[in-house]
Amino acid sequence: MKNISFKDICKDDIIGKKVFLRCDLNVPFDNNGVLLDDTRINNIIPTIKFLLKYNCKIILASHFGRPNGEYKEEFSLKKLIPYLQEYLKVNVLFINDILSSDSIKQVDNLQSNEIVLLENLRFYPEEQINNTTFAKQLSKYADIYINDAFSCCHREHSSICAITNFLPSYPGLSLMEELKSLSLIYNDNYKPQTLIIGGKKISTKIKVLNHLANKVDRIFIAGAMANNFLKALGYEVGKSYFEEEYLNEAKNIYENYKQKIVLPHDFVGKNNNKIFIKNIKDINKEDCILDIGIKSCINLENIIENSKILIWNGPIGFYEEQYFSIGSLYAARTIAYHTKNNNLVSIIGGGDAVAVAKMSGLKNHFSYISSGGGAFLEIIEKGDLIGFKNLKRN
């Protein structure tokens, strides 16, 4: 990762100013409208408290879901108002028509215990095409811009990129903390380093895997990703998911880094709705692999125990079903234990791995949980993100 050194926000830059705070409030709700995970709300609290301390007028802006450039009630950010008021201890004023001049004037009348929340930016098709005119209109709300949405910084959108051409732009406290934690991956004082990479598609992670293979000491490949390697090495994977077009690349990676790569060798899965536990050599054409077995869990435990820093992205198995969540939960609990007791530095990134960490009940026992999925992978691969381009640097 590049040596990214942003300028800290200081009192003289912000005191009494109107601040356009781009955050990520794309949070999960259940079918009854109950918030399921408050991580992203908690992430912005330090920045908001800092700004309120210096009498700033805050305009919160975010996207929510994929409304495809039109108003859809189920994607309105209005449902977040009671949660934001509870967490932030301020009154939240909501602006529906975010482009009207009257709405922009509303900010001038904010009281000390009030902030503004703009309606979903993705209700406007201009947002996702990085439209300059749209960004300029948004910039009229504020004197300065702060980006505290690390998880969105790989998106070339108006509220991430184009708006920074019109306002002095800074990183938020959460974004700074994220970068500080991710920089540990490139600190050679932490050896040996381990990468656990899982999930469904090798296609979305092949570049990161190639990049980190040169850096880390051990790579444990799991989830459906592992099926590509097993298939490429001549093993039967039955009806398990794999990507045919990536088999050659998987084989090449394995041949280049086989001294580092560890693959599971026993599995839990289904065959005609019957659950099986098998070694790799016993898998047949009707089997579907959905989790790793206990021998592979123990092997993974030994790898974790002998690591100083660990990066985890992607679940170990099909954790959404209880019978196939054992590998993922075993990994989470083992990582949490060694983080707490043996000074392991653990960095977890990606929605599924974070969900497993939460499911384990030990979410607070990891060194750092990244708010980003795609952004987490991209900054590891490229060392920078498009959303950082115009933020003030030292």
Protein backbone atom coordinates (compact mmCIF):
# COMPACT_ATOMS: atom_id res chain seq x y z
CA MET A 1 0.00 0.00 0.00
CA LYS A 2 1.24 3.47 -0.82
CA ASN A 3 2.39 5.71 1.99
CA ILE A 4 -0.80 7.77 2.21
CA SER A 5 -0.45 10.65 4.64
CA PHE A 6 -3.52 12.87 4.90
CA LYS A 7 -3.64 16.24 6.56
CA ASP A 8 -5.43 16.05 9.91
CA ILE A 9 -8.55 18.15 10.34
CA CYS A 10 -7.70 20.99 12.70
CA LYS A 11 -9.85 23.46 14.58
CA ASP A 12 -8.99 26.42 12.34
CA ASP A 13 -10.16 24.53 9.25
CA ILE A 14 -13.63 23.75 10.53
CA ILE A 15 -14.72 26.04 13.37
CA GLY A 16 -18.21 27.34 12.68
CA LYS A 17 -18.22 25.93 9.15
CA LYS A 18 -20.89 24.07 7.20
CA VAL A 19 -19.59 20.55 6.61
CA PHE A 20 -20.76 18.12 3.94
CA LEU A 21 -20.05 14.78 5.64
CA ARG A 22 -20.14 11.86 3.21
CA CYS A 23 -20.72 8.71 5.23
CA ASP A 24 -21.93 5.20 4.52
CA LEU A 25 -25.37 4.59 5.98
CA ASN A 26 -26.07 1.62 3.73
CA VAL A 27 -26.99 -0.52 6.73
CA PRO A 28 -29.04 -3.74 6.87
CA PHE A 29 -32.67 -3.86 8.04
CA ASP A 30 -34.91 -6.86 8.54
CA ASN A 31 -38.34 -7.22 6.92
CA ASN A 32 -39.92 -5.39 9.86
CA GLY A 33 -37.70 -2.34 9.48
CA VAL A 34 -35.46 -3.16 12.44
CA LEU A 35 -31.79 -2.24 12.14
CA LEU A 36 -29.64 -5.39 12.12
CA ASP A 37 -26.12 -3.92 12.31
CA ASP A 38 -25.16 -0.50 13.67
CA THR A 39 -21.44 -0.67 12.85
CA ARG A 40 -21.52 2.01 10.17
CA ILE A 41 -23.49 4.39 12.38
CA ASN A 42 -21.01 3.90 15.21
CA ASN A 43 -18.14 4.55 12.78
CA ILE A 44 -19.19 8.15 12.12
CA ILE A 45 -19.87 9.16 15.74
CA PRO A 46 -16.28 10.34 16.50
CA THR A 47 -16.21 12.63 13.46
CA ILE A 48 -19.66 14.06 14.21
CA LYS A 49 -18.78 14.72 17.86
CA PHE A 50 -15.55 16.40 16.77
CA LEU A 51 -17.42 18.68 14.34
CA LEU A 52 -20.15 19.56 16.85
CA LYS A 53 -17.49 20.48 19.39
CA TYR A 54 -16.42 23.27 17.04
CA ASN A 55 -19.96 24.47 16.26
CA CYS A 56 -20.08 23.04 12.75
CA LYS A 57 -23.31 22.68 10.84
CA ILE A 58 -23.35 19.10 9.57
CA ILE A 59 -24.96 17.82 6.40
CA LEU A 60 -24.98 14.00 6.39
CA ALA A 61 -25.02 12.41 2.94
CA SER A 62 -25.14 8.76 1.97
CA HIS A 63 -26.55 6.21 -0.43
CA PHE A 64 -28.79 3.31 0.55
CA GLY A 65 -29.26 0.19 -1.54
CA ARG A 66 -29.61 0.22 -5.31
CA PRO A 67 -32.65 2.28 -6.34
CA ASN A 68 -31.18 2.75 -9.84
CA GLY A 69 -31.53 6.50 -10.06
CA GLU A 70 -35.18 6.87 -9.06
CA TYR A 71 -37.22 7.38 -5.92
CA LYS A 72 -38.30 4.15 -4.23
CA GLU A 73 -39.73 4.42 -0.75
CA GLU A 74 -38.05 1.27 0.53
CA PHE A 75 -34.66 2.90 -0.12
CA SER A 76 -35.41 6.17 1.65
CA LEU A 77 -32.94 7.20 4.34
CA LYS A 78 -35.82 8.59 6.38
CA LYS A 79 -36.05 5.31 8.27
CA LEU A 80 -32.64 6.05 9.78
CA ILE A 81 -33.72 9.23 11.58
CA PRO A 82 -34.76 7.60 14.89
CA TYR A 83 -31.56 5.56 14.99
CA LEU A 84 -29.34 8.54 14.23
CA GLN A 85 -31.09 10.63 16.90
CA GLU A 86 -30.63 7.84 19.44
CA TYR A 87 -26.94 7.27 18.65
CA LEU A 88 -25.88 10.87 18.05
CA LYS A 89 -28.06 12.55 20.73
CA VAL A 90 -29.09 15.35 18.36
CA ASN A 91 -32.18 16.28 16.39
CA VAL A 92 -32.00 15.15 12.77
CA LEU A 93 -33.72 17.27 10.11
CA PHE A 94 -34.52 15.47 6.88
CA ILE A 95 -34.28 16.98 3.40
CA ASN A 96 -36.27 15.25 0.67
CA ASP A 97 -35.50 17.47 -2.31
CA ILE A 98 -31.76 17.76 -1.98
CA LEU A 99 -31.27 19.95 -5.08
CA SER A 100 -33.68 22.78 -4.26
CA SER A 101 -32.31 26.18 -3.24
CA ASP A 102 -34.74 26.27 -0.28
CA SER A 103 -33.26 23.05 1.06
CA ILE A 104 -29.75 24.46 0.84
CA LYS A 105 -30.85 27.57 2.76
CA GLN A 106 -32.24 25.36 5.56
CA VAL A 107 -28.71 24.59 6.71
CA ASP A 108 -28.11 28.23 7.65
CA ASN A 109 -30.87 28.00 10.27
CA LEU A 110 -29.59 24.89 12.04
CA GLN A 111 -29.44 25.08 15.84
CA SER A 112 -26.54 23.76 17.91
CA ASN A 113 -28.31 20.45 18.65
CA GLU A 114 -29.40 19.78 15.04
CA ILE A 115 -27.89 18.15 11.98
CA VAL A 116 -29.25 17.59 8.47
CA LEU A 117 -29.69 14.25 6.71
CA LEU A 118 -30.07 14.36 2.94
CA GLU A 119 -32.26 11.88 1.11
CA ASN A 120 -30.62 8.91 -0.64
CA LEU A 121 -28.07 10.23 -3.14
CA ARG A 122 -28.71 7.30 -5.46
CA PHE A 123 -32.25 8.50 -6.12
CA TYR A 124 -30.44 10.74 -8.61
CA PRO A 125 -28.86 9.00 -11.62
CA GLU A 126 -26.16 11.68 -11.73
CA GLU A 127 -24.65 10.37 -8.48
CA GLN A 128 -23.28 7.16 -9.92
CA ILE A 129 -21.81 8.72 -13.07
CA ASN A 130 -19.69 11.26 -11.17
CA ASN A 131 -21.63 14.14 -12.70
CA THR A 132 -19.92 17.50 -12.20
CA THR A 133 -23.11 19.60 -12.31
CA PHE A 134 -24.76 17.42 -9.66
CA ALA A 135 -21.64 17.56 -7.48
CA LYS A 136 -21.47 21.34 -7.78
CA GLN A 137 -25.07 21.63 -6.59
CA LEU A 138 -24.31 19.40 -3.61
CA SER A 139 -21.27 21.50 -2.77
CA LYS A 140 -23.52 24.56 -2.25
CA TYR A 141 -24.61 23.08 1.08
CA ALA A 142 -21.21 23.46 2.68
CA ASP A 143 -17.91 25.27 3.18
CA ILE A 144 -15.83 22.10 3.44
CA TYR A 145 -16.16 18.42 2.57
CA ILE A 146 -15.25 15.45 4.75
CA ASN A 147 -15.20 11.86 3.53
CA ASP A 148 -15.79 9.35 6.32
CA ALA A 149 -17.04 6.58 4.03
CA PHE A 150 -14.02 4.34 3.47
CA SER A 151 -16.31 1.58 2.20
CA CYS A 152 -17.36 3.81 -0.72
CA CYS A 153 -13.96 5.22 -1.68
CA HIS A 154 -13.48 2.80 -4.57
CA ARG A 155 -16.58 4.26 -6.26
CA GLU A 156 -16.13 7.08 -8.76
CA HIS A 157 -19.36 8.80 -7.75
CA SER A 158 -20.31 12.46 -7.52
CA SER A 159 -20.39 12.64 -3.72
CA ILE A 160 -17.04 10.83 -3.46
CA CYS A 161 -15.00 12.32 -6.30
CA ALA A 162 -16.46 15.22 -8.29
CA ILE A 163 -17.57 17.19 -5.23
CA THR A 164 -13.95 17.48 -4.06
CA ASN A 165 -13.30 19.82 -7.00
CA PHE A 166 -15.52 22.44 -5.39
CA LEU A 167 -14.72 22.29 -1.66
CA PRO A 168 -11.63 21.94 0.52
CA SER A 169 -11.71 18.20 1.23
CA TYR A 170 -10.52 16.15 4.19
CA PRO A 171 -10.68 12.56 5.45
CA GLY A 172 -12.86 11.81 8.46
CA LEU A 173 -11.60 10.24 11.68
CA SER A 174 -13.01 6.80 10.85
CA LEU A 175 -11.37 6.80 7.42
CA MET A 176 -8.04 7.76 8.98
CA GLU A 177 -8.34 4.96 11.53
CA GLU A 178 -9.11 2.49 8.76
CA LEU A 179 -5.96 3.41 6.86
CA LYS A 180 -3.84 3.26 9.99
CA SER A 181 -5.01 -0.29 10.65
CA LEU A 182 -4.60 -1.45 7.05
CA SER A 183 -1.05 -0.11 6.97
CA LEU A 184 -0.12 -2.81 9.49
CA ILE A 185 -0.40 -5.33 6.66
CA TYR A 186 2.74 -3.80 5.19
CA ASN A 187 4.67 -3.59 8.46
CA ASP A 188 7.49 -6.14 8.29
CA ASN A 189 7.78 -6.15 12.09
CA TYR A 190 4.77 -8.48 12.12
CA LYS A 191 5.94 -11.91 10.94
CA PRO A 192 4.76 -14.46 10.03
CA GLN A 193 1.80 -13.05 8.14
CA THR A 194 -1.23 -15.11 7.18
CA LEU A 195 -4.01 -14.54 4.66
CA ILE A 196 -7.29 -16.42 5.02
CA ILE A 197 -9.31 -15.93 1.87
CA GLY A 198 -12.67 -17.52 1.22
CA GLY A 199 -16.05 -16.75 -0.22
CA LYS A 200 -17.71 -17.82 -3.41
CA LYS A 201 -15.99 -16.23 -6.39
CA ILE A 202 -12.30 -16.41 -7.20
CA SER A 203 -12.94 -13.91 -10.02
CA THR A 204 -13.48 -11.03 -7.57
CA LYS A 205 -10.37 -11.78 -5.51
CA ILE A 206 -7.79 -13.14 -7.93
CA LYS A 207 -5.86 -9.84 -8.14
CA VAL A 208 -5.68 -9.45 -4.38
CA LEU A 209 -4.58 -13.06 -4.02
CA ASN A 210 -1.83 -12.56 -6.59
CA HIS A 211 -0.72 -9.33 -4.93
CA LEU A 212 -0.60 -10.64 -1.35
CA ALA A 213 0.94 -13.99 -2.29
CA ASN A 214 4.28 -12.20 -2.62
CA LYS A 215 3.85 -10.55 0.75
CA VAL A 216 2.42 -13.05 3.23
CA ASP A 217 3.95 -16.23 4.62
CA ARG A 218 0.86 -18.44 4.65
CA ILE A 219 -2.36 -18.51 2.59
CA PHE A 220 -5.33 -20.58 3.66
CA ILE A 221 -7.84 -20.79 0.81
CA ALA A 222 -11.37 -21.85 1.70
CA GLY A 223 -14.99 -21.46 0.68
CA ALA A 224 -15.99 -22.10 -2.90
CA MET A 225 -12.73 -20.39 -3.90
CA ALA A 226 -10.87 -23.51 -2.80
CA ASN A 227 -12.91 -25.63 -5.23
CA ASN A 228 -11.16 -23.92 -8.14
CA PHE A 229 -7.76 -24.95 -6.83
CA LEU A 230 -8.84 -28.48 -5.99
CA LYS A 231 -10.44 -28.92 -9.41
CA ALA A 232 -7.37 -27.48 -11.15
CA LEU A 233 -5.17 -29.96 -9.26
CA GLY A 234 -7.25 -32.87 -10.49
CA TYR A 235 -9.51 -33.52 -7.50
CA GLU A 236 -13.21 -34.27 -7.86
CA VAL A 237 -15.42 -31.49 -6.50
CA GLY A 238 -18.74 -32.89 -7.71
CA LYS A 239 -21.55 -30.35 -7.95
CA SER A 240 -19.68 -27.77 -5.88
CA TYR A 241 -19.43 -24.23 -7.24
CA PHE A 242 -16.33 -23.29 -9.21
CA GLU A 243 -15.46 -20.99 -12.11
CA GLU A 244 -14.26 -22.97 -15.14
CA GLU A 245 -12.57 -19.97 -16.78
CA TYR A 246 -10.31 -19.45 -13.75
CA LEU A 247 -8.99 -23.01 -13.36
CA ASN A 248 -5.77 -22.36 -15.28
CA GLU A 249 -5.07 -19.22 -13.29
CA ALA A 250 -5.77 -21.05 -10.03
CA LYS A 251 -3.32 -23.78 -11.07
CA ASN A 252 -0.65 -21.21 -11.95
CA ILE A 253 -1.04 -19.46 -8.60
CA TYR A 254 -0.77 -22.76 -6.78
CA GLU A 255 2.34 -23.80 -8.72
CA ASN A 256 4.01 -20.43 -8.05
CA TYR A 257 3.18 -20.34 -4.32
CA LYS A 258 2.56 -23.94 -3.28
CA GLN A 259 5.05 -23.61 -0.42
CA LYS A 260 2.69 -20.99 1.07
CA ILE A 261 -0.77 -22.18 0.05
CA VAL A 262 -2.79 -24.47 2.30
CA LEU A 263 -6.00 -26.04 0.99
CA PRO A 264 -8.68 -27.87 3.00
CA HIS A 265 -8.54 -31.65 2.72
CA ASP A 266 -11.77 -32.73 4.41
CA PHE A 267 -15.24 -31.35 3.97
CA VAL A 268 -18.85 -31.15 5.06
CA GLY A 269 -21.48 -31.00 2.34
CA LYS A 270 -24.68 -32.33 0.83
CA ASN A 271 -25.59 -35.16 -1.50
CA ASN A 272 -29.30 -35.38 -2.36
CA ASN A 273 -30.14 -33.42 0.81
CA LYS A 274 -28.09 -35.78 2.98
CA ILE A 275 -25.19 -34.24 4.88
CA PHE A 276 -21.79 -35.89 4.49
CA ILE A 277 -18.32 -35.57 6.04
CA LYS A 278 -15.60 -36.72 3.64
CA ASN A 279 -11.92 -36.46 2.80
CA ILE A 280 -11.12 -34.89 -0.55
CA LYS A 281 -10.26 -38.22 -2.17
CA ASP A 282 -13.75 -39.56 -1.34
CA ILE A 283 -15.76 -36.74 -2.95
CA ASN A 284 -17.94 -38.02 -5.81
CA LYS A 285 -19.73 -36.39 -8.75
CA GLU A 286 -23.00 -35.96 -6.85
CA ASP A 287 -21.45 -34.25 -3.82
CA CYS A 288 -21.66 -30.53 -3.08
CA ILE A 289 -18.96 -29.15 -0.77
CA LEU A 290 -20.30 -26.50 1.63
CA ASP A 291 -17.81 -26.29 4.52
CA ILE A 292 -14.45 -27.58 5.72
CA GLY A 293 -14.13 -30.58 8.02
CA ILE A 294 -12.65 -30.83 11.51
CA LYS A 295 -9.17 -31.90 10.30
CA SER A 296 -8.94 -28.79 8.14
CA CYS A 297 -10.23 -26.69 11.08
CA ILE A 298 -7.43 -28.00 13.28
CA ASN A 299 -4.91 -27.33 10.51
CA LEU A 300 -6.21 -23.76 10.23
CA GLU A 301 -6.00 -23.36 14.01
CA ASN A 302 -2.30 -24.27 13.92
CA ILE A 303 -1.69 -21.70 11.19
CA ILE A 304 -3.48 -18.97 13.16
CA GLU A 305 -1.61 -19.87 16.35
CA ASN A 306 1.72 -19.36 14.61
CA SER A 307 0.83 -16.02 12.99
CA LYS A 308 1.67 -12.50 14.12
CA ILE A 309 -0.68 -10.72 11.75
CA LEU A 310 -3.71 -12.16 10.01
CA ILE A 311 -5.91 -10.82 7.21
CA TRP A 312 -9.28 -12.49 6.73
CA ASN A 313 -11.62 -11.91 3.80
CA GLY A 314 -14.51 -14.17 2.87
CA PRO A 315 -16.28 -16.96 4.81
CA ILE A 316 -14.86 -20.47 5.19
CA GLY A 317 -18.10 -22.15 4.16
CA PHE A 318 -21.80 -21.58 3.51
CA TYR A 319 -22.21 -20.02 6.95
CA GLU A 320 -25.80 -18.89 6.35
CA GLU A 321 -26.89 -22.47 7.05
CA GLN A 322 -26.17 -23.74 10.55
CA TYR A 323 -24.78 -27.11 9.45
CA PHE A 324 -22.18 -25.41 7.29
CA SER A 325 -21.19 -22.55 9.59
CA ILE A 326 -18.78 -24.56 11.75
CA GLY A 327 -15.63 -23.78 9.76
CA SER A 328 -16.31 -20.04 9.68
CA LEU A 329 -17.20 -19.85 13.37
CA TYR A 330 -14.20 -22.04 14.31
CA ALA A 331 -11.93 -19.62 12.44
CA ALA A 332 -13.56 -16.55 14.03
CA ARG A 333 -13.28 -17.90 17.57
CA THR A 334 -9.70 -19.07 17.08
CA ILE A 335 -8.64 -15.70 15.66
CA ALA A 336 -10.43 -13.84 18.46
CA TYR A 337 -8.78 -16.01 21.12
CA HIS A 338 -5.25 -15.46 19.80
CA THR A 339 -5.90 -11.75 19.26
CA LYS A 340 -6.91 -11.40 22.90
CA ASN A 341 -4.33 -13.72 24.46
CA ASN A 342 -1.33 -13.99 22.14
CA ASN A 343 -0.94 -10.53 20.61
CA LEU A 344 -2.13 -11.58 17.17
CA VAL A 345 -3.00 -8.58 14.97
CA SER A 346 -6.22 -9.52 13.19
CA ILE A 347 -7.73 -7.51 10.35
CA ILE A 348 -11.14 -8.59 9.08
CA GLY A 349 -12.64 -7.19 5.89
CA GLY A 350 -15.64 -7.88 3.68
CA GLY A 351 -19.32 -8.15 4.56
CA ASP A 352 -19.46 -11.93 5.01
CA ALA A 353 -16.35 -12.20 7.20
CA VAL A 354 -17.65 -9.33 9.32
CA ALA A 355 -21.04 -11.07 9.59
CA VAL A 356 -19.30 -14.24 10.80
CA ALA A 357 -17.31 -12.22 13.35
CA LYS A 358 -20.56 -10.80 14.67
CA MET A 359 -22.24 -14.22 14.64
CA SER A 360 -19.40 -15.60 16.76
CA GLY A 361 -20.28 -13.14 19.55
CA LEU A 362 -16.66 -11.97 19.64
CA LYS A 363 -16.76 -9.03 17.29
CA ASN A 364 -14.94 -6.78 19.76
CA HIS A 365 -12.06 -9.23 20.13
CA PHE A 366 -10.51 -8.57 16.72
CA SER A 367 -7.83 -5.92 16.23
CA TYR A 368 -9.70 -4.22 13.43
CA ILE A 369 -12.84 -4.85 11.41
CA SER A 370 -12.86 -2.95 8.14
CA SER A 371 -16.06 -1.24 7.04
CA GLY A 372 -15.23 -1.93 3.41
CA GLY A 373 -15.81 -4.90 1.16
CA GLY A 374 -14.80 -3.87 -2.34
CA ALA A 375 -12.77 -0.94 -0.97
CA PHE A 376 -10.91 -3.29 1.40
CA LEU A 377 -9.88 -5.56 -1.48
CA GLU A 378 -9.05 -2.72 -3.85
CA ILE A 379 -6.77 -0.78 -1.52
CA ILE A 380 -4.85 -3.97 -0.75
CA GLU A 381 -4.49 -4.61 -4.48
CA LYS A 382 -3.80 -1.07 -5.73
CA GLY A 383 -2.50 0.74 -2.65
CA ASP A 384 -4.84 3.70 -3.19
CA LEU A 385 -8.48 4.48 -3.92
CA ILE A 386 -10.11 6.90 -6.37
CA GLY A 387 -11.97 8.59 -3.50
CA PHE A 388 -8.69 9.69 -1.91
CA LYS A 389 -7.53 11.69 -4.92
CA ASN A 390 -8.44 15.21 -3.79
CA LEU A 391 -8.38 14.79 -0.02
CA LYS A 392 -5.77 17.05 1.53
CA ARG A 393 -2.42 15.34 2.14
CA ASN A 394 0.68 16.30 4.05
